[in-house]
N, C-alpha and C. Protein backbone atom coordinates (compact mmCIF):
# COMPACT_ATOMS: atom_id res chain seq x y z
N MET A 1 -13.65 74.88 18.18
CA MET A 1 -14.45 74.83 19.39
C MET A 1 -14.05 75.91 20.37
N ALA A 2 -13.15 76.78 20.00
CA ALA A 2 -12.68 77.82 20.91
C ALA A 2 -13.82 78.69 21.43
N GLU A 3 -14.75 79.07 20.59
CA GLU A 3 -15.87 79.91 21.03
C GLU A 3 -16.75 79.15 22.01
N THR A 4 -16.97 77.87 21.77
CA THR A 4 -17.76 77.06 22.69
C THR A 4 -17.06 76.95 24.03
N ASP A 5 -15.75 76.70 24.01
CA ASP A 5 -15.00 76.62 25.25
C ASP A 5 -15.07 77.93 26.02
N ASP A 6 -15.00 79.05 25.31
CA ASP A 6 -15.08 80.35 25.98
C ASP A 6 -16.40 80.49 26.72
N LEU A 7 -17.47 80.07 26.09
CA LEU A 7 -18.78 80.15 26.73
C LEU A 7 -18.87 79.20 27.92
N LEU A 8 -18.41 77.97 27.73
CA LEU A 8 -18.49 76.99 28.80
C LEU A 8 -17.61 77.36 29.99
N ASP A 9 -16.56 78.13 29.76
CA ASP A 9 -15.71 78.61 30.85
C ASP A 9 -16.48 79.47 31.85
N LEU A 10 -17.59 80.06 31.41
CA LEU A 10 -18.39 80.93 32.28
C LEU A 10 -19.35 80.16 33.18
N ILE A 11 -19.48 78.86 32.96
CA ILE A 11 -20.44 78.05 33.70
C ILE A 11 -19.68 77.17 34.69
N LEU A 12 -20.13 77.16 35.93
CA LEU A 12 -19.48 76.35 36.96
C LEU A 12 -19.56 74.87 36.59
N PRO A 13 -18.51 74.10 36.88
CA PRO A 13 -18.51 72.67 36.54
C PRO A 13 -19.72 71.92 37.09
N VAL A 14 -20.12 72.23 38.29
CA VAL A 14 -21.28 71.54 38.88
C VAL A 14 -22.54 71.81 38.07
N ASN A 15 -22.66 73.01 37.51
CA ASN A 15 -23.82 73.34 36.68
C ASN A 15 -23.77 72.63 35.34
N LEU A 16 -22.59 72.43 34.79
CA LEU A 16 -22.45 71.67 33.55
C LEU A 16 -22.87 70.22 33.77
N VAL A 17 -22.45 69.66 34.89
CA VAL A 17 -22.84 68.28 35.23
C VAL A 17 -24.35 68.20 35.39
N GLU A 18 -24.95 69.16 36.09
CA GLU A 18 -26.40 69.18 36.27
C GLU A 18 -27.12 69.31 34.92
N LEU A 19 -26.57 70.11 34.02
CA LEU A 19 -27.16 70.28 32.70
C LEU A 19 -27.19 68.95 31.95
N VAL A 20 -26.08 68.23 31.95
CA VAL A 20 -26.00 66.95 31.26
C VAL A 20 -26.97 65.95 31.90
N GLN A 21 -26.99 65.90 33.23
CA GLN A 21 -27.88 64.98 33.93
C GLN A 21 -29.34 65.31 33.66
N TYR A 22 -29.67 66.58 33.63
CA TYR A 22 -31.04 67.00 33.35
C TYR A 22 -31.49 66.52 31.97
N HIS A 23 -30.66 66.77 30.97
CA HIS A 23 -31.03 66.39 29.61
C HIS A 23 -31.06 64.88 29.43
N HIS A 24 -30.26 64.19 30.18
CA HIS A 24 -30.29 62.72 30.13
C HIS A 24 -31.60 62.20 30.70
N ASN A 25 -32.11 62.84 31.73
CA ASN A 25 -33.31 62.39 32.42
C ASN A 25 -34.60 62.96 31.83
N THR A 26 -34.48 63.86 30.87
CA THR A 26 -35.65 64.47 30.26
C THR A 26 -36.00 63.72 28.98
N ALA A 27 -37.23 63.31 28.89
CA ALA A 27 -37.68 62.55 27.71
C ALA A 27 -38.17 63.53 26.66
N TYR A 28 -37.35 63.80 25.68
CA TYR A 28 -37.76 64.64 24.57
C TYR A 28 -38.44 63.79 23.52
N SER A 29 -39.41 64.38 22.85
CA SER A 29 -40.09 63.63 21.80
C SER A 29 -39.23 63.54 20.54
N LEU A 30 -38.24 64.45 20.41
CA LEU A 30 -37.40 64.44 19.23
C LEU A 30 -35.99 64.93 19.58
N TRP A 31 -35.03 64.01 19.49
CA TRP A 31 -33.62 64.38 19.68
C TRP A 31 -33.03 64.62 18.30
N GLU A 32 -32.71 65.86 18.01
CA GLU A 32 -32.06 66.19 16.74
C GLU A 32 -30.55 66.05 16.92
N GLN A 33 -29.85 65.91 15.81
CA GLN A 33 -28.41 65.72 15.87
C GLN A 33 -27.73 66.88 16.59
N ARG A 34 -28.23 68.08 16.39
CA ARG A 34 -27.62 69.25 17.05
C ARG A 34 -27.74 69.18 18.56
N HIS A 35 -28.82 68.58 19.08
CA HIS A 35 -28.98 68.42 20.53
C HIS A 35 -27.99 67.39 21.06
N ILE A 36 -27.86 66.31 20.33
CA ILE A 36 -26.91 65.26 20.72
C ILE A 36 -25.49 65.82 20.70
N ASP A 37 -25.17 66.57 19.66
CA ASP A 37 -23.85 67.18 19.56
C ASP A 37 -23.58 68.14 20.71
N ALA A 38 -24.59 68.89 21.11
CA ALA A 38 -24.43 69.85 22.21
C ALA A 38 -24.12 69.14 23.52
N VAL A 39 -24.84 68.07 23.82
CA VAL A 39 -24.58 67.32 25.05
C VAL A 39 -23.18 66.71 24.99
N ASN A 40 -22.80 66.15 23.85
CA ASN A 40 -21.46 65.58 23.70
C ASN A 40 -20.37 66.63 23.85
N THR A 41 -20.62 67.83 23.36
CA THR A 41 -19.65 68.92 23.50
C THR A 41 -19.43 69.27 24.96
N VAL A 42 -20.52 69.38 25.71
CA VAL A 42 -20.40 69.69 27.13
C VAL A 42 -19.66 68.57 27.85
N CYS A 43 -19.98 67.33 27.53
CA CYS A 43 -19.31 66.19 28.16
C CYS A 43 -17.82 66.19 27.86
N GLU A 44 -17.46 66.44 26.62
CA GLU A 44 -16.04 66.49 26.24
C GLU A 44 -15.32 67.62 26.97
N TYR A 45 -15.99 68.75 27.08
CA TYR A 45 -15.41 69.89 27.80
C TYR A 45 -15.15 69.53 29.25
N VAL A 46 -16.13 68.95 29.91
CA VAL A 46 -15.96 68.56 31.31
C VAL A 46 -14.83 67.54 31.43
N LYS A 47 -14.78 66.61 30.52
CA LYS A 47 -13.74 65.57 30.54
C LYS A 47 -12.34 66.19 30.45
N GLU A 48 -12.19 67.18 29.58
CA GLU A 48 -10.88 67.80 29.36
C GLU A 48 -10.52 68.85 30.40
N ILE A 49 -11.48 69.68 30.77
CA ILE A 49 -11.20 70.85 31.61
C ILE A 49 -11.45 70.59 33.09
N HIS A 50 -12.44 69.78 33.42
CA HIS A 50 -12.81 69.50 34.81
C HIS A 50 -12.89 67.99 35.03
N PRO A 51 -11.79 67.27 34.86
CA PRO A 51 -11.83 65.80 34.90
C PRO A 51 -12.35 65.22 36.22
N THR A 52 -12.22 65.95 37.31
CA THR A 52 -12.72 65.43 38.59
C THR A 52 -14.24 65.36 38.62
N HIS A 53 -14.90 66.09 37.75
CA HIS A 53 -16.36 66.08 37.67
C HIS A 53 -16.88 65.10 36.61
N TYR A 54 -15.98 64.60 35.79
CA TYR A 54 -16.40 63.79 34.65
C TYR A 54 -16.99 62.44 35.05
N ASP A 55 -16.50 61.86 36.13
CA ASP A 55 -16.99 60.54 36.54
C ASP A 55 -18.51 60.50 36.69
N SER A 56 -19.10 61.59 37.12
CA SER A 56 -20.54 61.61 37.36
C SER A 56 -21.36 61.67 36.07
N ILE A 57 -20.70 61.92 34.93
CA ILE A 57 -21.43 61.97 33.66
C ILE A 57 -20.83 61.03 32.60
N ALA A 58 -19.83 60.27 32.96
CA ALA A 58 -19.15 59.40 31.98
C ALA A 58 -20.13 58.41 31.34
N GLY A 59 -21.01 57.81 32.13
CA GLY A 59 -21.98 56.86 31.58
C GLY A 59 -22.96 57.53 30.63
N ILE A 60 -23.38 58.72 30.97
CA ILE A 60 -24.28 59.48 30.11
C ILE A 60 -23.56 59.81 28.80
N HIS A 61 -22.30 60.19 28.91
CA HIS A 61 -21.53 60.54 27.71
C HIS A 61 -21.42 59.34 26.79
N ARG A 62 -21.15 58.16 27.34
CA ARG A 62 -21.08 56.95 26.51
C ARG A 62 -22.40 56.74 25.76
N LYS A 63 -23.52 56.97 26.44
CA LYS A 63 -24.83 56.81 25.82
C LYS A 63 -25.02 57.81 24.68
N PHE A 64 -24.66 59.06 24.92
CA PHE A 64 -24.86 60.09 23.90
C PHE A 64 -23.92 59.93 22.72
N LYS A 65 -22.74 59.34 22.93
CA LYS A 65 -21.83 59.09 21.82
C LYS A 65 -22.46 58.11 20.82
N LEU A 66 -23.29 57.22 21.32
CA LEU A 66 -23.92 56.20 20.48
C LEU A 66 -25.32 56.59 20.02
N MET A 67 -25.85 57.68 20.54
CA MET A 67 -27.23 58.07 20.27
C MET A 67 -27.41 58.50 18.82
N GLU A 68 -28.52 58.10 18.27
CA GLU A 68 -28.90 58.49 16.91
C GLU A 68 -30.06 59.47 17.00
N PRO A 69 -30.14 60.41 16.06
CA PRO A 69 -31.26 61.36 16.07
C PRO A 69 -32.59 60.64 15.84
N ASP A 70 -33.63 61.22 16.42
CA ASP A 70 -35.00 60.69 16.22
C ASP A 70 -35.59 61.37 15.00
N TYR A 71 -36.19 60.57 14.15
CA TYR A 71 -36.86 61.13 12.98
C TYR A 71 -38.28 60.62 12.97
N ASP A 72 -39.18 61.46 12.53
CA ASP A 72 -40.59 61.06 12.43
C ASP A 72 -40.82 60.19 11.23
């Protein structure tokens, strides 16, 4: 995950939180596993690197940890 962390280091913590909140509130017609994994990666990064910001997305992270991909 080093490359992912390098990229996420360029984004302000507040913007990462907004990104997670946006995707949580957006109703997609199809959540693929890669989308779920991406949100979980950002949440894990915030939890590890910016723990003071994690409280605002902890509930969303719990939801995405349990989320299953949508299939037609």
